[in-house]
Amino acid sequence: MKREKALVVFSGGQDSTTCLFWALKHFREVHTITFAYGQKHNLEVEAAKKIACMAGVDFHLVDITQIASVGKNSLTDGSMVMDSEKPAGSPPNTFVPGRNLFFLSIAAVYAREKGICDIVTGVSQTDFSGYPDCRDSFIRSLNVTLNLAMDGQFVIHTPLMWIDKAQTWALADRLGVFELVRDETVTCYNGVKGDGCGHCPACRLRNAGLHKYLENKDEVLKSLEIHNF
């Protein structure tokens, strides 16, 4: 039985697009919220708008470009060379400090105004690239904090938390949107739609998962069963 309403934190990338269609399967009414935060790969915002239109859901864009001025990272600073690998003992320089904290906090305020308690985000601890704000412990902690801050009953849903990229492709396929996710999303940090540039960390992670899924389709699809998809 479908629940009432959900808000999806929506970037227009592989993970959030898969989560959007997961939400459409589980909720009667779905809204999206997208953030312009000064990212160099700003084409993802246009992709998010297009995909939201294709899915027939509300699209809301919030400008928070001010966060680019308070933290140094290679996604918002054109003078920095992007890390090709995660450095030992620290997150890669593609980590935008506080990004998911800001996104989910603003999303909760917007959800409250819309009478929405369920918030969906595409973070994953399995393929989290060393970003501390993608971990389950952070999401659970923030969920409690948001409820205390607004005397609310928010529930943050993380459908991808315990699955890898191959399984995320399998989930998109199971939801009937494999081609849409492959062709229309922008995961690439260099802003190349679809399969991307092939070189940045996001592309390598996405493409490795895609190859694993295509080579072991039945096995990967079966592995989703324990996650109750």
Protein backbone atom coordinates (compact mmCIF):
# COMPACT_ATOMS: atom_id res chain seq x y z
CA MET A 1 0.00 0.00 0.00
CA LYS A 2 1.39 3.40 -1.01
CA ARG A 3 2.12 6.01 1.61
CA GLU A 4 0.93 9.58 1.09
CA LYS A 5 3.67 12.08 0.18
CA ALA A 6 7.45 12.19 -0.20
CA LEU A 7 10.11 14.73 -1.04
CA VAL A 8 13.13 13.51 -3.01
CA VAL A 9 16.46 15.33 -2.73
CA PHE A 10 17.14 15.28 -6.44
CA SER A 11 20.41 16.02 -8.24
CA GLY A 12 19.60 14.57 -11.64
CA GLY A 13 22.29 11.89 -11.22
CA GLN A 14 22.04 8.10 -11.27
CA ASP A 15 21.40 7.62 -7.56
CA SER A 16 18.80 10.32 -6.97
CA THR A 17 16.96 9.45 -10.20
CA THR A 18 16.73 5.82 -9.11
CA CYS A 19 15.44 7.05 -5.76
CA LEU A 20 12.87 9.26 -7.50
CA PHE A 21 11.33 6.26 -9.25
CA TRP A 22 11.59 4.20 -6.07
CA ALA A 23 9.57 6.95 -4.36
CA LEU A 24 6.99 6.97 -7.16
CA LYS A 25 6.50 3.26 -6.53
CA HIS A 26 5.97 3.73 -2.78
CA PHE A 27 4.21 7.11 -2.45
CA ARG A 28 1.03 8.56 -3.92
CA GLU A 29 2.48 12.06 -4.35
CA VAL A 30 6.15 12.88 -4.97
CA HIS A 31 7.93 16.22 -4.98
CA THR A 32 11.58 16.96 -5.75
CA ILE A 33 14.02 19.55 -4.46
CA THR A 34 17.25 20.34 -6.32
CA PHE A 35 20.17 22.50 -5.19
CA ALA A 36 22.45 24.81 -7.15
CA TYR A 37 25.48 25.01 -4.89
CA GLY A 38 28.07 26.41 -7.27
CA GLN A 39 28.93 23.02 -8.72
CA LYS A 40 31.01 23.11 -11.90
CA HIS A 41 28.89 20.29 -13.32
CA ASN A 42 25.79 22.52 -13.21
CA LEU A 43 24.31 20.68 -16.19
CA GLU A 44 22.97 18.24 -13.58
CA VAL A 45 20.41 20.89 -12.58
CA GLU A 46 19.02 20.97 -16.12
CA ALA A 47 19.00 17.16 -16.17
CA ALA A 48 17.07 17.11 -12.89
CA LYS A 49 14.48 19.53 -14.26
CA LYS A 50 14.03 17.47 -17.43
CA ILE A 51 13.75 14.16 -15.59
CA ALA A 52 11.26 15.60 -13.08
CA CYS A 53 9.14 16.74 -16.02
CA MET A 54 9.39 13.30 -17.63
CA ALA A 55 8.32 11.71 -14.33
CA GLY A 56 5.44 14.17 -13.90
CA VAL A 57 6.57 15.42 -10.49
CA ASP A 58 6.98 18.85 -8.95
CA PHE A 59 10.46 20.39 -9.36
CA HIS A 60 11.76 22.98 -6.91
CA LEU A 61 15.21 24.57 -7.30
CA VAL A 62 17.02 26.22 -4.38
CA ASP A 63 20.10 28.39 -4.84
CA ILE A 64 22.66 27.83 -2.08
CA THR A 65 25.75 28.89 -3.99
CA GLN A 66 27.01 30.61 -0.84
CA ILE A 67 28.32 27.27 0.46
CA ALA A 68 30.95 27.37 -2.30
CA SER A 69 32.51 30.38 -0.59
CA VAL A 70 33.03 28.77 2.82
CA GLY A 71 34.59 25.40 1.98
CA LYS A 72 37.33 24.49 -0.47
CA ASN A 73 36.69 21.57 -2.83
CA SER A 74 37.29 20.66 -6.44
CA LEU A 75 33.61 20.49 -7.39
CA THR A 76 33.08 24.21 -6.84
CA ASP A 77 36.61 25.59 -7.21
CA GLY A 78 37.81 25.63 -10.81
CA SER A 79 41.42 26.21 -9.74
CA MET A 80 41.65 22.83 -7.99
CA VAL A 81 42.68 19.63 -9.76
CA MET A 82 40.22 16.87 -8.94
CA ASP A 83 41.56 13.91 -6.95
CA SER A 84 41.61 10.81 -9.11
CA GLU A 85 41.85 8.54 -6.07
CA LYS A 86 40.81 8.86 -2.43
CA PRO A 87 43.80 10.12 -0.40
CA ALA A 88 44.83 7.97 2.56
CA GLY A 89 43.36 9.22 5.82
CA SER A 90 41.06 11.91 4.41
CA PRO A 91 38.10 12.36 2.05
CA PRO A 92 38.87 13.17 -1.61
CA ASN A 93 38.86 16.85 -2.56
CA THR A 94 35.56 16.28 -4.36
CA PHE A 95 33.98 16.19 -0.89
CA VAL A 96 31.85 19.32 -0.38
CA PRO A 97 31.89 19.88 3.40
CA GLY A 98 28.40 20.02 4.85
CA ARG A 99 26.66 19.41 1.53
CA ASN A 100 24.24 16.70 2.68
CA LEU A 101 23.78 18.46 6.01
CA PHE A 102 22.67 21.60 4.16
CA PHE A 103 20.62 19.72 1.58
CA LEU A 104 18.65 17.64 4.07
CA SER A 105 18.12 20.51 6.51
CA ILE A 106 16.71 22.75 3.79
CA ALA A 107 14.71 19.85 2.38
CA ALA A 108 13.14 19.27 5.81
CA VAL A 109 12.07 22.92 6.08
CA TYR A 110 10.55 22.76 2.59
CA ALA A 111 8.89 19.42 3.37
CA ARG A 112 7.37 20.88 6.53
CA GLU A 113 5.79 23.70 4.52
CA LYS A 114 4.35 21.11 2.12
CA GLY A 115 3.04 18.88 4.90
CA ILE A 116 5.51 16.14 3.98
CA CYS A 117 7.18 13.91 6.56
CA ASP A 118 9.00 11.45 4.29
CA ILE A 119 12.28 12.61 2.72
CA VAL A 120 14.21 10.43 0.27
CA THR A 121 17.92 10.75 -0.48
CA GLY A 122 20.31 8.67 -2.59
CA VAL A 123 23.26 8.40 -0.22
CA SER A 124 25.04 5.07 0.10
CA GLN A 125 27.51 3.78 2.66
CA THR A 126 28.47 0.92 0.34
CA ASP A 127 29.75 3.22 -2.45
CA PHE A 128 30.26 6.43 -0.48
CA SER A 129 33.63 7.49 -1.96
CA GLY A 130 34.94 8.43 1.47
CA TYR A 131 32.29 11.12 2.04
CA PRO A 132 31.42 11.08 5.77
CA ASP A 133 27.97 12.63 5.19
CA CYS A 134 26.85 9.59 3.19
CA ARG A 135 27.11 7.23 6.15
CA ASP A 136 24.10 5.65 7.84
CA SER A 137 25.21 6.97 11.25
CA PHE A 138 25.11 10.55 9.95
CA ILE A 139 21.66 10.13 8.39
CA ARG A 140 20.22 8.61 11.57
CA SER A 141 21.73 11.36 13.70
CA LEU A 142 20.45 14.12 11.43
CA ASN A 143 16.99 12.55 11.35
CA VAL A 144 16.80 12.84 15.13
CA THR A 145 18.16 16.39 15.05
CA LEU A 146 15.65 17.56 12.44
CA ASN A 147 12.76 16.11 14.43
CA LEU A 148 14.00 17.88 17.57
CA ALA A 149 14.67 21.13 15.72
CA MET A 150 11.18 21.36 14.21
CA ASP A 151 9.20 19.17 16.60
CA GLY A 152 8.49 16.99 13.58
CA GLN A 153 8.07 13.39 12.61
CA PHE A 154 10.38 13.29 9.60
CA VAL A 155 11.60 9.98 8.25
CA ILE A 156 14.67 10.07 6.02
CA HIS A 157 14.60 7.16 3.57
CA THR A 158 17.88 5.90 2.06
CA PRO A 159 16.95 3.13 -0.39
CA LEU A 160 20.53 2.80 -1.67
CA MET A 161 22.32 2.83 1.68
CA TRP A 162 23.35 -0.83 1.69
CA ILE A 163 23.60 -1.61 -2.02
CA ASP A 164 26.48 -1.03 -4.44
CA LYS A 165 26.45 0.59 -7.88
CA ALA A 166 25.77 -2.65 -9.72
CA GLN A 167 22.72 -3.23 -7.53
CA THR A 168 21.65 0.38 -8.08
CA TRP A 169 21.63 -0.29 -11.82
CA ALA A 170 19.64 -3.45 -11.12
CA LEU A 171 17.13 -1.49 -9.08
CA ALA A 172 16.71 1.06 -11.89
CA ASP A 173 16.11 -1.85 -14.27
CA ARG A 174 13.59 -3.41 -11.93
CA LEU A 175 11.80 -0.05 -11.71
CA GLY A 176 11.65 0.10 -15.52
CA VAL A 177 13.94 3.12 -15.91
CA PHE A 178 17.31 1.59 -16.79
CA GLU A 179 17.60 3.39 -20.15
CA LEU A 180 16.38 6.68 -18.72
CA VAL A 181 18.97 6.53 -15.95
CA ARG A 182 21.72 5.56 -18.37
CA ASP A 183 20.90 8.18 -21.02
CA GLU A 184 19.42 11.18 -19.22
CA THR A 185 21.21 11.48 -15.88
CA VAL A 186 24.32 13.53 -15.13
CA THR A 187 26.58 11.78 -12.64
CA CYS A 188 29.85 12.97 -14.19
CA TYR A 189 31.78 15.63 -12.24
CA ASN A 190 32.73 17.16 -15.61
CA GLY A 191 29.08 17.56 -16.54
CA VAL A 192 28.89 15.01 -19.37
CA LYS A 193 25.44 13.42 -19.63
CA GLY A 194 24.87 9.68 -19.74
CA ASP A 195 27.99 7.53 -19.55
CA GLY A 196 30.00 10.68 -18.79
CA CYS A 197 33.64 11.54 -19.36
CA GLY A 198 34.78 8.11 -18.17
CA HIS A 199 37.70 9.54 -16.21
CA CYS A 200 36.42 11.36 -13.12
CA PRO A 201 35.83 9.39 -9.88
CA ALA A 202 32.04 9.52 -10.27
CA CYS A 203 32.19 8.13 -13.80
CA ARG A 204 34.56 5.34 -12.87
CA LEU A 205 32.34 4.25 -9.98
CA ARG A 206 29.18 4.43 -12.09
CA ASN A 207 30.69 2.63 -15.10
CA ALA A 208 32.29 -0.12 -13.01
CA GLY A 209 28.86 -0.81 -11.51
CA LEU A 210 27.25 -0.79 -14.93
CA HIS A 211 29.74 -3.30 -16.34
CA LYS A 212 29.34 -5.56 -13.31
CA TYR A 213 25.56 -5.48 -13.69
CA LEU A 214 25.56 -6.16 -17.43
CA GLU A 215 27.99 -9.06 -17.00
CA ASN A 216 26.09 -10.66 -14.06
CA LYS A 217 22.53 -9.48 -14.51
CA ASP A 218 20.63 -12.40 -13.02
CA GLU A 219 22.95 -12.68 -10.04
CA VAL A 220 22.83 -8.95 -9.25
CA LEU A 221 19.05 -8.80 -9.61
CA LYS A 222 18.73 -11.75 -7.25
CA SER A 223 20.96 -10.00 -4.70
CA LEU A 224 18.32 -7.25 -4.41
CA GLU A 225 15.86 -9.68 -2.84
CA ILE A 226 17.38 -9.45 0.64
CA HIS A 227 16.85 -5.66 0.53
CA ASN A 228 13.08 -6.03 0.00
CA PHE A 229 12.89 -4.03 -3.21
